[in-house]
């Protein structure tokens, strides 16, 4: 777990220096309470702190200080072991705008921009880290439709992402 946290720290600090900003506009009318709960990572760009992980999920819950607790879990395939990281997130543009800052290591924060969201049922979310290095597709179920996949690729590409580099995360339920 310690190495997982160190990778997160390194990735966040490198992101500030080594990547190009994208034009990710946070959704409005965001409802933080409806966003809480478990999400499956469907797709991501490769980065060190999740490299080699499958079965990745993120679970969001309320913190006593008004923030959001973030619990990320993933299976390290070659070891068939679970890795976990716990962080915290806070809204940066008000509680009804889908932009937060997230930290897994001390005072260092990275952007978390919800740039598209199923605002009716909260079944999928498109997440940007604010630069070309960080992009995620999250869903409430481990699989999505071909149409949702195509929509994600189209919208991510339109704001500056290299979508050919996406990793489609295995969600088979087969980890150790």
Protein backbone atom coordinates (compact mmCIF):
# COMPACT_ATOMS: atom_id res chain seq x y z
CA UNK A 1 0.00 0.00 0.00
CA UNK A 2 2.85 2.37 0.78
CA UNK A 3 4.19 2.02 -2.77
CA UNK A 4 0.67 2.69 -4.09
CA UNK A 5 0.58 5.98 -2.13
CA UNK A 6 4.06 6.96 -3.28
CA UNK A 7 3.06 6.40 -6.89
CA UNK A 8 0.01 8.61 -6.36
CA UNK A 9 2.20 11.37 -4.88
CA UNK A 10 4.70 11.13 -7.74
CA UNK A 11 1.96 11.17 -10.36
CA UNK A 12 0.25 14.21 -8.92
CA UNK A 13 3.47 16.20 -8.65
CA UNK A 14 4.57 15.22 -12.15
CA UNK A 15 1.18 16.15 -13.57
CA UNK A 16 1.69 19.76 -12.60
CA UNK A 17 4.95 19.92 -14.57
CA UNK A 18 4.80 17.43 -17.42
CA UNK A 19 1.45 17.48 -19.14
CA UNK A 20 -0.79 19.70 -21.21
CA UNK A 21 -4.02 21.13 -19.79
CA UNK A 22 -7.28 19.97 -21.34
CA UNK A 23 -10.51 21.88 -21.83
CA UNK A 24 -12.53 19.91 -19.27
CA UNK A 25 -15.52 21.92 -18.06
CA UNK A 26 -17.08 20.62 -14.84
CA UNK A 27 -20.76 19.72 -14.87
CA UNK A 28 -23.18 21.98 -13.06
CA UNK A 29 -26.15 20.85 -10.96
CA UNK A 30 -23.83 18.25 -9.41
CA UNK A 31 -25.30 16.40 -6.43
CA UNK A 32 -22.51 15.17 -4.16
CA UNK A 33 -24.86 12.96 -2.14
CA UNK A 34 -25.98 11.07 -5.25
CA UNK A 35 -22.35 10.68 -6.33
CA UNK A 36 -21.42 8.84 -3.11
CA UNK A 37 -21.08 5.08 -3.17
CA UNK A 38 -19.19 2.56 -5.27
CA UNK A 39 -18.04 3.17 -8.85
CA UNK A 40 -16.25 0.76 -11.20
CA UNK A 41 -13.33 2.03 -13.22
CA UNK A 42 -14.16 1.16 -16.82
CA UNK A 43 -11.32 2.98 -18.59
CA UNK A 44 -8.27 5.09 -17.76
CA UNK A 45 -5.07 6.41 -19.21
CA UNK A 46 -1.96 4.62 -18.02
CA UNK A 47 -0.12 6.13 -15.06
CA UNK A 48 2.22 4.72 -12.45
CA UNK A 49 -0.07 4.54 -9.45
CA UNK A 50 -2.58 2.24 -11.20
CA UNK A 51 -0.24 0.41 -13.55
CA UNK A 52 -0.99 -3.30 -13.63
CA UNK A 53 -4.24 -2.99 -11.67
CA UNK A 54 -7.52 -4.56 -12.69
CA UNK A 55 -10.85 -4.78 -10.86
CA UNK A 56 -10.40 -1.11 -9.87
CA UNK A 57 -13.18 0.55 -7.91
CA UNK A 58 -13.60 3.89 -6.17
CA UNK A 59 -15.92 4.28 -3.21
CA UNK A 60 -16.92 7.75 -2.06
CA UNK A 61 -18.38 8.57 1.35
CA UNK A 62 -18.87 11.66 3.52
CA UNK A 63 -16.12 12.88 5.82
CA UNK A 64 -16.84 14.57 9.15
CA UNK A 65 -15.15 17.75 7.91
CA UNK A 66 -17.58 18.13 4.98
CA UNK A 67 -15.22 16.59 2.44
CA UNK A 68 -15.45 13.26 0.69
CA UNK A 69 -13.52 10.13 1.61
CA UNK A 70 -12.10 8.34 -1.43
CA UNK A 71 -11.26 4.65 -1.19
CA UNK A 72 -9.59 3.19 -4.29
CA UNK A 73 -9.10 -0.56 -4.58
CA UNK A 74 -7.52 -2.59 -7.36
CA UNK A 75 -6.14 -6.05 -8.00
CA UNK A 76 -2.44 -6.39 -8.72
CA UNK A 77 -2.78 -9.19 -11.26
CA UNK A 78 0.66 -10.79 -11.07
CA UNK A 79 0.32 -11.18 -7.29
CA UNK A 80 -3.45 -11.71 -7.21
CA UNK A 81 -3.49 -9.25 -4.30
CA UNK A 82 -5.65 -6.27 -3.53
CA UNK A 83 -4.10 -2.82 -3.20
CA UNK A 84 -5.90 0.05 -1.49
CA UNK A 85 -5.43 3.77 -1.18
CA UNK A 86 -7.53 6.16 0.86
CA UNK A 87 -7.72 9.84 0.12
CA UNK A 88 -9.84 12.90 0.63
CA UNK A 89 -11.57 15.30 -1.72
CA UNK A 90 -13.04 18.78 -1.41
CA UNK A 91 -15.17 20.86 -3.74
CA UNK A 92 -13.28 23.75 -5.33
CA UNK A 93 -16.12 25.60 -7.12
CA UNK A 94 -19.04 24.99 -4.78
CA UNK A 95 -20.99 21.86 -3.92
CA UNK A 96 -23.09 21.93 -7.10
CA UNK A 97 -20.16 22.05 -9.52
CA UNK A 98 -18.39 18.78 -10.39
CA UNK A 99 -14.86 19.95 -9.62
CA UNK A 100 -12.89 18.78 -6.63
CA UNK A 101 -9.33 18.58 -5.43
CA UNK A 102 -8.18 15.13 -4.34
CA UNK A 103 -5.28 14.10 -2.13
CA UNK A 104 -3.88 10.69 -1.30
CA UNK A 105 -0.66 12.04 0.15
CA UNK A 106 -0.40 14.90 2.63
CA UNK A 107 -0.98 18.41 1.43
CA UNK A 108 -0.61 17.59 -2.28
CA UNK A 109 -3.80 17.76 -4.34
CA UNK A 110 -4.74 16.94 -7.90
CA UNK A 111 -7.75 18.08 -9.91
CA UNK A 112 -10.83 15.90 -10.23
CA UNK A 113 -13.18 17.31 -12.86
CA UNK A 114 -16.47 15.56 -13.61
CA UNK A 115 -16.91 16.75 -17.21
CA UNK A 116 -19.88 14.54 -18.06
CA UNK A 117 -22.33 12.69 -15.87
CA UNK A 118 -25.60 10.83 -16.07
CA UNK A 119 -27.40 13.48 -14.03
CA UNK A 120 -30.67 11.56 -14.08
CA UNK A 121 -29.50 8.26 -12.56
CA UNK A 122 -25.80 8.83 -11.73
CA UNK A 123 -24.87 5.64 -13.61
CA UNK A 124 -21.70 6.92 -15.34
CA UNK A 125 -19.17 9.74 -14.92
CA UNK A 126 -16.35 11.04 -17.13
CA UNK A 127 -13.44 12.31 -15.04
CA UNK A 128 -10.50 14.51 -16.03
CA UNK A 129 -7.44 15.20 -13.95
CA UNK A 130 -7.19 18.55 -15.74
CA UNK A 131 -4.30 17.49 -17.99
CA UNK A 132 -3.70 15.07 -20.84
CA UNK A 133 -2.24 12.51 -18.41
CA UNK A 134 -5.33 11.71 -16.32
CA UNK A 135 -8.68 10.48 -17.60
CA UNK A 136 -11.21 8.00 -16.24
CA UNK A 137 -14.59 6.54 -17.12
CA UNK A 138 -16.50 5.37 -14.06
CA UNK A 139 -19.79 3.48 -13.91
CA UNK A 140 -22.03 2.00 -11.24
CA UNK A 141 -21.86 -1.40 -12.95
CA UNK A 142 -18.74 -3.25 -14.15
CA UNK A 143 -19.82 -3.09 -17.81
CA UNK A 144 -21.10 -0.34 -20.10
CA UNK A 145 -22.80 -0.26 -23.47
CA UNK A 146 -20.97 0.23 -26.77
CA UNK A 147 -22.82 3.54 -27.14
CA UNK A 148 -21.54 4.79 -23.76
CA UNK A 149 -18.01 3.73 -24.69
CA UNK A 150 -18.22 5.58 -28.01
CA UNK A 151 -19.66 8.68 -26.32
CA UNK A 152 -16.84 8.72 -23.75
CA UNK A 153 -14.18 8.39 -26.45
CA UNK A 154 -15.78 11.16 -28.52
CA UNK A 155 -16.11 13.61 -25.63
CA UNK A 156 -12.65 12.87 -24.23
CA UNK A 157 -11.08 13.31 -27.67
CA UNK A 158 -12.93 16.61 -28.18
CA UNK A 159 -11.29 18.15 -25.10
CA UNK A 160 -7.76 17.02 -25.91
CA UNK A 161 -7.23 13.41 -24.84
CA UNK A 162 -5.34 10.74 -26.80
CA UNK A 163 -8.07 8.13 -26.53
CA UNK A 164 -6.10 5.51 -28.48
CA UNK A 165 -4.05 5.15 -25.29
CA UNK A 166 -7.01 4.18 -23.08
CA UNK A 167 -6.80 1.07 -20.94
CA UNK A 168 -10.11 -0.77 -20.69
CA UNK A 169 -10.05 -2.13 -17.14
CA UNK A 170 -10.85 -5.77 -16.58
CA UNK A 171 -13.77 -6.19 -14.18
CA UNK A 172 -14.06 -9.97 -14.04
CA UNK A 173 -14.27 -10.48 -10.27
CA UNK A 174 -11.42 -13.00 -10.47
CA UNK A 175 -8.79 -11.47 -8.15
CA UNK A 176 -7.23 -13.68 -5.47
